Each structure stands twice: as C-alpha cells, then as structure tokens.
Amino acid sequence: MNNSPIQILHEITPLGEHDFMYVADRHKKEFSYPLHCHDMLELNFVENATGGERIIGDSVETIGEYDLVLITSPELEHVWNQGKCTSEDIHEITIQFALDFQTNPIFQTNPFASLTKMLVRAQKGLCFSMRSIMQVYPRLMGLSNIKEGFYGVIELLSILYELSLAEDARELASTTFAKVDISSESRRVLKVKNYISTHFTEELRLEQLSNLVGMTPSAFSRFFKLRTGKNLAEFIVDTRLGHATRKLIDTTSSVAEIGFECGFNTLSNFNRLFKKRK
C-alpha cells in the first residue's frame, strides 16, 4: 500500500520581472499538465470540456461546457484533468498576472472594494456561474488579440471588476486546506479552527473546544455560527472531508482506511456525509 502523496509541481511562469500578465489561448485534445501551484494569480477559462475534472485544493468537481476559476494563492495546488471528457477540441484560456492586492494601498480604496474582496476570497479558488461567464465571455475571447500591453492590462482589470460584482461566485477549497489566514476572523475562532486542523482525526467535543477560548458551550456555539456561517459540527465534518478528499486522490488507501484516518468512526457515516457534501 502506497500512502505517499503525489508530487506537486511548483510552476515557473513565463512572466518576467517587469511583466504584468501572460495570456495563453490554446486548443487541445486533452488535459496533460500535472497538479501544480505558482506565485502568480490566475484566471483560467475552459470550454468544450464537459466531463473534465477540476481539482482545486480539496475541491474535486466535474465541469460542464464552460468553467471559469480565479486563484490568488501561491500555495493552492490545482489542475484540470481529463476525467470523462471526450472532446477533441478543448479550448482553454489561462491568464496569469501579478497583482499585489494585499499590501498595495490602492486596493484599500473604495473603487477597488469589490475587486479586493473577490481577490481575497479567491485564495481558496473562486468558481463563477454560467451567467457571470457569459457576461465576460466576449472579452475573454479577445484578450489574447490585444497587442498593446497597457490596453491588455485595462481589459483584464475590467474583466475582473465585472466578475467581482457577481453575487453567486463560489469558493472551492476549504480555509484549512488552502492555508488561508483570514485576518478579519476573531482570534477565538482562529484558535479553535487551528486546533481542529491539527486534531481533526480525534474525537472533538463542543465542551472541549469552548474551554479553549474560555466560553460556555452554548455561547461559543452561537458565536462560532455567527462568525463563520457554519455550526461547529459542520465545520469539523467539512475539515475531515477536505483531508479525506485529498487522500482519495493522492493515495492508494482504501475508502474505509481513509475514513477512519480522517476521524470518521464508521464507514457508513463517512460514505453518507461524503455523498451528501461532495
């Protein structure tokens, strides 16, 4: 039995020191690039690849006719795999760009508010709906034809801004798996999340976790739900499922072994929750 994880390639992008963006617009018959991560931000569009498989951190999904994902974390591994795609003409547009949205003060100003919020969320990978894709589709198709660099930058920023207005964009990887430290979260919430991330294979009780932050169980339960949008039990299950998902991809362990390794006490419970949430 081989439990060692697969290799994650750290991609060296074509961007030079003084470059802002790189656009690769290509047609191909199959997905062949390995699981990877890179320092640049990336907007990746795929069409005519129904049945393909998209992996972003611990998120594994089958894509449809169109797929558009924004990734802004250098540590978030990702790949598009062949899956059940039988298309002979997969169209993929990959836009890699350098944008310091975390320290550049311009991103703290009001005109950039929605864009900055989107870029922060995209540290976990952000998937856009069909409606949002269609709104920017013509501009994506023309981006590689813009020869003047300045106008290309303006067009990309305009595309990103339009996407930032979408209310139905969906985060993909879990916070824990994406290694994202959301500084705006309460210290109490972060302390509990970090503990769960380290001890997710163990039995975790509400009383135990509330004691970590000096709150009563009922008060902490309400506090956690208010700050995260999930109750504590949901968060623990999502953390365990995130690790289980990657083990299913990266190892040859059996489903039963993975379930027990990730803190599920029975195989039936693991199967039920996995099918329901994944």
Foldseek 3Di string as FASTA:
>chain_A
DWQDFDDAAEDDDPDDPPDFKDKDKDKAQFFDDDWYFYQWKKKKKKALFFQKWKDWQLFIDGDHRIKIKTAHARQIIIGIHNGVGRDRIMIMMMMTGDDDCPPPCVCVDDVNPLLSVVNLLRLQMKIDDPVLCVVCVVLSVCLVVDPDRVVSVVSVVVSSVSRSPDPPIDGGADCLRSVRDPVVADPLLVVLLVVCLVQLLDDDDLCVSCVVVVHHSVVVQVVNCVRPVDGPVVSSLSSLSSQLSSSVVTHPDDLQVSCNRSHHPGSVVVVVVNVVPD
